[in-house]
Amino acid sequence: MKTSAFLLLSVTALLLRGAPAVAAASVACNPMELSPCAGAILTAAPPTPACCAKLKEQQPCFCQYKKNPNLKGYINSDNSKKVSKSCGVPIPTC
């Protein structure tokens, strides 16, 4: 339990400092917007409706996130791919 909490805090910290908010296709690209998905990505739990909504909203930003060394591991992880597929939001090849 402590390890999961530590990982969640670590991911949040990386997301906070990982990428500045930038507009892409009229969406504010802010990786913190994906925080509702942290539990699903870190623990393989099913994504929540809030997570899926944020994935859909932030989809235009995925290529930007994949280029960020602090974020690409999370975007490319197996759990991220499962969450994305479950929500019907494909991760683009950039």
C-alpha atoms as a PDB file:
ATOM      1  CA  MET A   1       0.000   0.000   0.000  1.00  0.00           C
ATOM      2  CA  LYS A   2       2.806   2.418   0.888  1.00  0.00           C
ATOM      3  CA  THR A   3       4.579   1.590  -2.373  1.00  0.00           C
ATOM      4  CA  SER A   4       1.452   2.391  -4.403  1.00  0.00           C
ATOM      5  CA  ALA A   5       1.013   5.697  -2.597  1.00  0.00           C
ATOM      6  CA  PHE A   6       4.666   6.546  -3.182  1.00  0.00           C
ATOM      7  CA  LEU A   7       4.377   5.704  -6.883  1.00  0.00           C
ATOM      8  CA  LEU A   8       1.239   7.802  -7.218  1.00  0.00           C
ATOM      9  CA  LEU A   9       2.967  10.753  -5.560  1.00  0.00           C
ATOM     10  CA  SER A  10       6.040  10.253  -7.748  1.00  0.00           C
ATOM     11  CA  VAL A  11       3.956  10.223 -10.912  1.00  0.00           C
ATOM     12  CA  THR A  12       2.108  13.326  -9.788  1.00  0.00           C
ATOM     13  CA  ALA A  13       5.404  15.099  -9.064  1.00  0.00           C
ATOM     14  CA  LEU A  14       6.772  14.141 -12.482  1.00  0.00           C
ATOM     15  CA  LEU A  15       3.607  15.311 -14.154  1.00  0.00           C
ATOM     16  CA  LEU A  16       3.738  18.612 -12.312  1.00  0.00           C
ATOM     17  CA  ARG A  17       7.254  19.408 -13.452  1.00  0.00           C
ATOM     18  CA  GLY A  18       7.319  17.273 -16.592  1.00  0.00           C
ATOM     19  CA  ALA A  19       5.671  19.457 -19.204  1.00  0.00           C
ATOM     20  CA  PRO A  20       4.417  22.995 -19.308  1.00  0.00           C
ATOM     21  CA  ALA A  21       0.834  23.713 -20.225  1.00  0.00           C
ATOM     22  CA  VAL A  22       0.764  24.285 -23.995  1.00  0.00           C
ATOM     23  CA  ALA A  23      -2.147  24.531 -26.375  1.00  0.00           C
ATOM     24  CA  ALA A  24      -2.573  21.761 -28.954  1.00  0.00           C
ATOM     25  CA  ALA A  25      -5.688  21.714 -31.094  1.00  0.00           C
ATOM     26  CA  SER A  26      -7.389  24.126 -28.661  1.00  0.00           C
ATOM     27  CA  VAL A  27      -6.706  21.832 -25.696  1.00  0.00           C
ATOM     28  CA  ALA A  28      -4.548  22.990 -22.810  1.00  0.00           C
ATOM     29  CA  CYS A  29      -1.864  20.304 -22.748  1.00  0.00           C
ATOM     30  CA  ASN A  30      -1.345  19.796 -19.072  1.00  0.00           C
ATOM     31  CA  PRO A  31      -0.302  16.299 -17.975  1.00  0.00           C
ATOM     32  CA  MET A  32      -1.842  16.939 -14.548  1.00  0.00           C
ATOM     33  CA  GLU A  33      -5.216  16.662 -16.294  1.00  0.00           C
ATOM     34  CA  LEU A  34      -4.499  12.927 -16.539  1.00  0.00           C
ATOM     35  CA  SER A  35      -4.271  12.484 -12.768  1.00  0.00           C
ATOM     36  CA  PRO A  36      -7.688  10.727 -12.651  1.00  0.00           C
ATOM     37  CA  CYS A  37      -5.954   7.909 -14.572  1.00  0.00           C
ATOM     38  CA  ALA A  38      -2.994   7.504 -12.211  1.00  0.00           C
ATOM     39  CA  GLY A  39      -4.618   4.719 -10.208  1.00  0.00           C
ATOM     40  CA  ALA A  40      -5.569   2.739 -13.303  1.00  0.00           C
ATOM     41  CA  ILE A  41      -2.130   3.164 -14.864  1.00  0.00           C
ATOM     42  CA  LEU A  42      -0.181   2.307 -11.725  1.00  0.00           C
ATOM     43  CA  THR A  43      -2.337  -0.536 -10.413  1.00  0.00           C
ATOM     44  CA  ALA A  44      -4.052  -1.922 -13.516  1.00  0.00           C
ATOM     45  CA  ALA A  45      -7.439  -1.090 -11.966  1.00  0.00           C
ATOM     46  CA  PRO A  46     -10.243  -0.390 -14.429  1.00  0.00           C
ATOM     47  CA  PRO A  47     -10.317   3.242 -15.553  1.00  0.00           C
ATOM     48  CA  THR A  48     -13.005   5.484 -14.153  1.00  0.00           C
ATOM     49  CA  PRO A  49     -15.380   7.496 -16.348  1.00  0.00           C
ATOM     50  CA  ALA A  50     -13.439  10.624 -15.286  1.00  0.00           C
ATOM     51  CA  CYS A  51     -10.206   9.014 -16.478  1.00  0.00           C
ATOM     52  CA  CYS A  52     -11.698   8.152 -19.876  1.00  0.00           C
ATOM     53  CA  ALA A  53     -13.070  11.677 -20.266  1.00  0.00           C
ATOM     54  CA  LYS A  54      -9.654  13.173 -19.538  1.00  0.00           C
ATOM     55  CA  LEU A  55      -7.948  10.781 -21.944  1.00  0.00           C
ATOM     56  CA  LYS A  56     -10.319  11.871 -24.701  1.00  0.00           C
ATOM     57  CA  GLU A  57      -9.760  15.522 -23.839  1.00  0.00           C
ATOM     58  CA  GLN A  58      -5.963  15.222 -23.707  1.00  0.00           C
ATOM     59  CA  GLN A  59      -5.579  12.932 -26.739  1.00  0.00           C
ATOM     60  CA  PRO A  60      -4.255  15.757 -28.991  1.00  0.00           C
ATOM     61  CA  CYS A  61      -1.402  16.163 -26.487  1.00  0.00           C
ATOM     62  CA  PHE A  62      -0.201  12.550 -26.431  1.00  0.00           C
ATOM     63  CA  CYS A  63       2.567  13.055 -29.001  1.00  0.00           C
ATOM     64  CA  GLN A  64       3.887  15.981 -26.991  1.00  0.00           C
ATOM     65  CA  TYR A  65       3.818  13.870 -23.825  1.00  0.00           C
ATOM     66  CA  LYS A  66       5.538  10.950 -25.589  1.00  0.00           C
ATOM     67  CA  LYS A  67       8.412  13.262 -26.544  1.00  0.00           C
ATOM     68  CA  ASN A  68       8.924  14.345 -22.937  1.00  0.00           C
ATOM     69  CA  PRO A  69      11.529  12.085 -21.270  1.00  0.00           C
ATOM     70  CA  ASN A  70       9.749  12.453 -17.909  1.00  0.00           C
ATOM     71  CA  LEU A  71       6.400  11.314 -19.308  1.00  0.00           C
ATOM     72  CA  LYS A  72       7.033   8.932 -22.201  1.00  0.00           C
ATOM     73  CA  GLY A  73       7.499   5.913 -19.934  1.00  0.00           C
ATOM     74  CA  TYR A  74       4.017   6.409 -18.537  1.00  0.00           C
ATOM     75  CA  ILE A  75       2.418   7.012 -21.931  1.00  0.00           C
ATOM     76  CA  ASN A  76       4.144   3.943 -23.414  1.00  0.00           C
ATOM     77  CA  SER A  77       3.543   1.591 -20.451  1.00  0.00           C
ATOM     78  CA  ASP A  78       1.472  -1.564 -20.853  1.00  0.00           C
ATOM     79  CA  ASN A  79      -1.054  -0.344 -18.286  1.00  0.00           C
ATOM     80  CA  SER A  80      -1.439   2.975 -20.119  1.00  0.00           C
ATOM     81  CA  LYS A  81      -2.139   1.087 -23.308  1.00  0.00           C
ATOM     82  CA  LYS A  82      -4.749  -1.069 -21.519  1.00  0.00           C
ATOM     83  CA  VAL A  83      -6.425   2.001 -20.018  1.00  0.00           C
ATOM     84  CA  SER A  84      -6.415   3.764 -23.370  1.00  0.00           C
ATOM     85  CA  LYS A  85      -7.898   0.739 -25.113  1.00  0.00           C
ATOM     86  CA  SER A  86     -10.528   0.293 -22.400  1.00  0.00           C
ATOM     87  CA  CYS A  87     -11.565   3.930 -22.855  1.00  0.00           C
ATOM     88  CA  GLY A  88     -11.567   3.683 -26.658  1.00  0.00           C
ATOM     89  CA  VAL A  89      -8.851   6.326 -26.983  1.00  0.00           C
ATOM     90  CA  PRO A  90      -5.973   5.173 -29.194  1.00  0.00           C
ATOM     91  CA  ILE A  91      -2.454   6.317 -28.407  1.00  0.00           C
ATOM     92  CA  PRO A  92      -1.061   7.705 -31.662  1.00  0.00           C
ATOM     93  CA  THR A  93       2.232   6.699 -33.195  1.00  0.00           C
ATOM     94  CA  CYS A  94       4.255   9.872 -33.372  1.00  0.00           C
END
